[in-house]
């Protein structure tokens, strides 16, 4: 069964950190571009970060650049999103997705809630 499962979300104070994990089963992440997306209540889903399958190159939205870091551990079939200096506006459900073609995602996780609040 092909599946992506996110974990690591939770409630954190502004300025805090969280590390999200995206674990794949039923397929090998090595050959897939992986993206992290988020959707806040009442807002459209937005791309946060992605990492290439070929050379490991990364992309970050301007809103998270310098604060978030995406990485992949192919041995563990897992991709991570390290989130530092969190802000209330980072509050959203975070999803990971995997795709063979750049910009086209074939598999999606169920999402993990991140809430940044004092």
C-alpha atoms as a PDB file:
ATOM      1  CA  UNK A   1       0.000   0.000   0.000  1.00  0.00           C
ATOM      2  CA  UNK A   2       1.444   3.334  -1.063  1.00  0.00           C
ATOM      3  CA  UNK A   3       1.350   5.788   1.780  1.00  0.00           C
ATOM      4  CA  UNK A   4       2.882   9.006   3.068  1.00  0.00           C
ATOM      5  CA  UNK A   5       2.543   9.712   6.768  1.00  0.00           C
ATOM      6  CA  UNK A   6       3.420  13.028   8.363  1.00  0.00           C
ATOM      7  CA  UNK A   7       4.243  13.402  12.034  1.00  0.00           C
ATOM      8  CA  UNK A   8       5.837  15.875  14.387  1.00  0.00           C
ATOM      9  CA  UNK A   9       3.204  18.566  14.454  1.00  0.00           C
ATOM     10  CA  UNK A  10       1.922  20.127  17.646  1.00  0.00           C
ATOM     11  CA  UNK A  11       1.530  23.267  19.682  1.00  0.00           C
ATOM     12  CA  UNK A  12       4.599  25.464  20.075  1.00  0.00           C
ATOM     13  CA  UNK A  13       5.220  28.988  21.327  1.00  0.00           C
ATOM     14  CA  UNK A  14       6.374  31.725  18.967  1.00  0.00           C
ATOM     15  CA  UNK A  15      10.097  31.437  18.440  1.00  0.00           C
ATOM     16  CA  UNK A  16      10.041  27.707  19.040  1.00  0.00           C
ATOM     17  CA  UNK A  17      10.955  24.816  16.780  1.00  0.00           C
ATOM     18  CA  UNK A  18       9.386  21.676  15.409  1.00  0.00           C
ATOM     19  CA  UNK A  19      10.631  18.954  13.089  1.00  0.00           C
ATOM     20  CA  UNK A  20       8.095  17.387  10.788  1.00  0.00           C
ATOM     21  CA  UNK A  21       8.670  13.954   9.305  1.00  0.00           C
ATOM     22  CA  UNK A  22       7.224  12.474   6.155  1.00  0.00           C
ATOM     23  CA  UNK A  23       7.631   8.709   6.044  1.00  0.00           C
ATOM     24  CA  UNK A  24       6.898   6.733   2.911  1.00  0.00           C
ATOM     25  CA  UNK A  25       5.728   3.148   2.675  1.00  0.00           C
ATOM     26  CA  UNK A  26       4.973   1.049  -0.357  1.00  0.00           C
ATOM     27  CA  UNK A  27       7.419   2.955  -2.537  1.00  0.00           C
ATOM     28  CA  UNK A  28      10.950   4.347  -2.448  1.00  0.00           C
ATOM     29  CA  UNK A  29      11.342   8.076  -1.977  1.00  0.00           C
ATOM     30  CA  UNK A  30      14.743   8.117  -3.691  1.00  0.00           C
ATOM     31  CA  UNK A  31      13.201   8.694  -7.107  1.00  0.00           C
ATOM     32  CA  UNK A  32      10.662  11.299  -6.059  1.00  0.00           C
ATOM     33  CA  UNK A  33      10.685  15.034  -5.634  1.00  0.00           C
ATOM     34  CA  UNK A  34       9.196  15.798  -2.222  1.00  0.00           C
ATOM     35  CA  UNK A  35       7.249  18.893  -1.366  1.00  0.00           C
ATOM     36  CA  UNK A  36       5.904  20.327   1.858  1.00  0.00           C
ATOM     37  CA  UNK A  37       2.698  22.342   1.666  1.00  0.00           C
ATOM     38  CA  UNK A  38       0.515  24.011   4.238  1.00  0.00           C
ATOM     39  CA  UNK A  39      -3.040  25.218   4.480  1.00  0.00           C
ATOM     40  CA  UNK A  40      -4.303  27.600   7.105  1.00  0.00           C
ATOM     41  CA  UNK A  41      -8.021  27.977   7.885  1.00  0.00           C
ATOM     42  CA  UNK A  42      -9.734  30.042   5.223  1.00  0.00           C
ATOM     43  CA  UNK A  43      -6.644  30.192   3.041  1.00  0.00           C
ATOM     44  CA  UNK A  44      -5.470  28.355  -0.044  1.00  0.00           C
ATOM     45  CA  UNK A  45      -2.852  25.681   0.151  1.00  0.00           C
ATOM     46  CA  UNK A  46       0.644  27.051  -0.397  1.00  0.00           C
ATOM     47  CA  UNK A  47       3.953  25.460  -1.201  1.00  0.00           C
ATOM     48  CA  UNK A  48       6.482  25.758   1.610  1.00  0.00           C
ATOM     49  CA  UNK A  49       9.520  23.834   0.454  1.00  0.00           C
ATOM     50  CA  UNK A  50      10.628  21.055  -1.842  1.00  0.00           C
ATOM     51  CA  UNK A  51      13.662  18.894  -2.434  1.00  0.00           C
ATOM     52  CA  UNK A  52      14.780  17.347  -5.670  1.00  0.00           C
ATOM     53  CA  UNK A  53      15.263  13.622  -6.180  1.00  0.00           C
ATOM     54  CA  UNK A  54      18.162  14.095  -8.570  1.00  0.00           C
ATOM     55  CA  UNK A  55      20.637  16.450  -6.938  1.00  0.00           C
ATOM     56  CA  UNK A  56      19.031  17.305  -3.614  1.00  0.00           C
ATOM     57  CA  UNK A  57      18.482  20.904  -4.600  1.00  0.00           C
ATOM     58  CA  UNK A  58      15.974  22.724  -2.455  1.00  0.00           C
ATOM     59  CA  UNK A  59      13.399  25.468  -2.726  1.00  0.00           C
ATOM     60  CA  UNK A  60      11.815  27.588  -0.020  1.00  0.00           C
ATOM     61  CA  UNK A  61       8.943  30.015  -0.056  1.00  0.00           C
ATOM     62  CA  UNK A  62      10.034  33.524   0.850  1.00  0.00           C
ATOM     63  CA  UNK A  63       7.907  33.384   3.986  1.00  0.00           C
ATOM     64  CA  UNK A  64       9.999  30.539   5.461  1.00  0.00           C
ATOM     65  CA  UNK A  65      13.410  31.136   3.911  1.00  0.00           C
ATOM     66  CA  UNK A  66      16.125  31.163   6.548  1.00  0.00           C
ATOM     67  CA  UNK A  67      13.868  29.532   9.135  1.00  0.00           C
ATOM     68  CA  UNK A  68      12.883  26.177   7.614  1.00  0.00           C
ATOM     69  CA  UNK A  69      15.173  23.443   6.318  1.00  0.00           C
ATOM     70  CA  UNK A  70      14.123  20.472   4.219  1.00  0.00           C
ATOM     71  CA  UNK A  71      16.206  17.319   4.141  1.00  0.00           C
ATOM     72  CA  UNK A  72      15.868  13.711   3.114  1.00  0.00           C
ATOM     73  CA  UNK A  73      17.174  10.454   4.521  1.00  0.00           C
ATOM     74  CA  UNK A  74      16.774   7.923   1.761  1.00  0.00           C
ATOM     75  CA  UNK A  75      17.957   5.104   4.017  1.00  0.00           C
ATOM     76  CA  UNK A  76      14.967   5.785   6.265  1.00  0.00           C
ATOM     77  CA  UNK A  77      12.668   6.592   3.343  1.00  0.00           C
ATOM     78  CA  UNK A  78      11.816   9.807   5.144  1.00  0.00           C
ATOM     79  CA  UNK A  79      11.897  13.531   4.441  1.00  0.00           C
ATOM     80  CA  UNK A  80      12.080  16.135   7.183  1.00  0.00           C
ATOM     81  CA  UNK A  81      11.113  19.750   7.575  1.00  0.00           C
ATOM     82  CA  UNK A  82      12.979  21.478  10.380  1.00  0.00           C
ATOM     83  CA  UNK A  83      11.070  24.586  11.385  1.00  0.00           C
ATOM     84  CA  UNK A  84      12.780  27.177  13.562  1.00  0.00           C
ATOM     85  CA  UNK A  85      11.797  30.632  14.773  1.00  0.00           C
ATOM     86  CA  UNK A  86       8.155  29.744  14.321  1.00  0.00           C
ATOM     87  CA  UNK A  87       5.606  32.522  14.015  1.00  0.00           C
ATOM     88  CA  UNK A  88       1.850  32.521  14.609  1.00  0.00           C
ATOM     89  CA  UNK A  89       1.369  32.890  10.851  1.00  0.00           C
ATOM     90  CA  UNK A  90       3.028  29.486  10.388  1.00  0.00           C
ATOM     91  CA  UNK A  91      -0.043  27.898  11.966  1.00  0.00           C
ATOM     92  CA  UNK A  92      -1.543  25.482   9.438  1.00  0.00           C
ATOM     93  CA  UNK A  93      -1.998  21.865   8.507  1.00  0.00           C
ATOM     94  CA  UNK A  94       1.219  20.724   6.879  1.00  0.00           C
ATOM     95  CA  UNK A  95       1.219  18.131   4.128  1.00  0.00           C
ATOM     96  CA  UNK A  96       3.985  16.316   2.328  1.00  0.00           C
ATOM     97  CA  UNK A  97       3.687  15.109  -1.228  1.00  0.00           C
ATOM     98  CA  UNK A  98       5.786  13.011  -3.594  1.00  0.00           C
ATOM     99  CA  UNK A  99       6.031  13.192  -7.358  1.00  0.00           C
ATOM    100  CA  UNK A 100       8.160  11.857 -10.166  1.00  0.00           C
ATOM    101  CA  UNK A 101       7.763  14.967 -12.307  1.00  0.00           C
ATOM    102  CA  UNK A 102       8.709  18.384 -10.985  1.00  0.00           C
ATOM    103  CA  UNK A 103       5.591  20.270  -9.966  1.00  0.00           C
ATOM    104  CA  UNK A 104       3.299  17.278 -10.246  1.00  0.00           C
ATOM    105  CA  UNK A 105       2.634  15.302  -7.088  1.00  0.00           C
ATOM    106  CA  UNK A 106       1.290  11.775  -7.172  1.00  0.00           C
ATOM    107  CA  UNK A 107       1.008  10.942  -3.494  1.00  0.00           C
ATOM    108  CA  UNK A 108      -0.124  13.055  -0.548  1.00  0.00           C
ATOM    109  CA  UNK A 109      -0.063  12.540   3.177  1.00  0.00           C
ATOM    110  CA  UNK A 110      -2.981  13.159   5.506  1.00  0.00           C
ATOM    111  CA  UNK A 111      -1.454  16.232   7.108  1.00  0.00           C
ATOM    112  CA  UNK A 112      -0.208  17.221  10.539  1.00  0.00           C
ATOM    113  CA  UNK A 113      -1.392  20.250  12.493  1.00  0.00           C
ATOM    114  CA  UNK A 114       1.113  22.898  13.524  1.00  0.00           C
ATOM    115  CA  UNK A 115      -0.116  25.579  15.904  1.00  0.00           C
ATOM    116  CA  UNK A 116       2.105  28.462  16.943  1.00  0.00           C
ATOM    117  CA  UNK A 117       0.614  30.320  19.859  1.00  0.00           C
ATOM    118  CA  UNK A 118       1.506  31.700  23.242  1.00  0.00           C
END
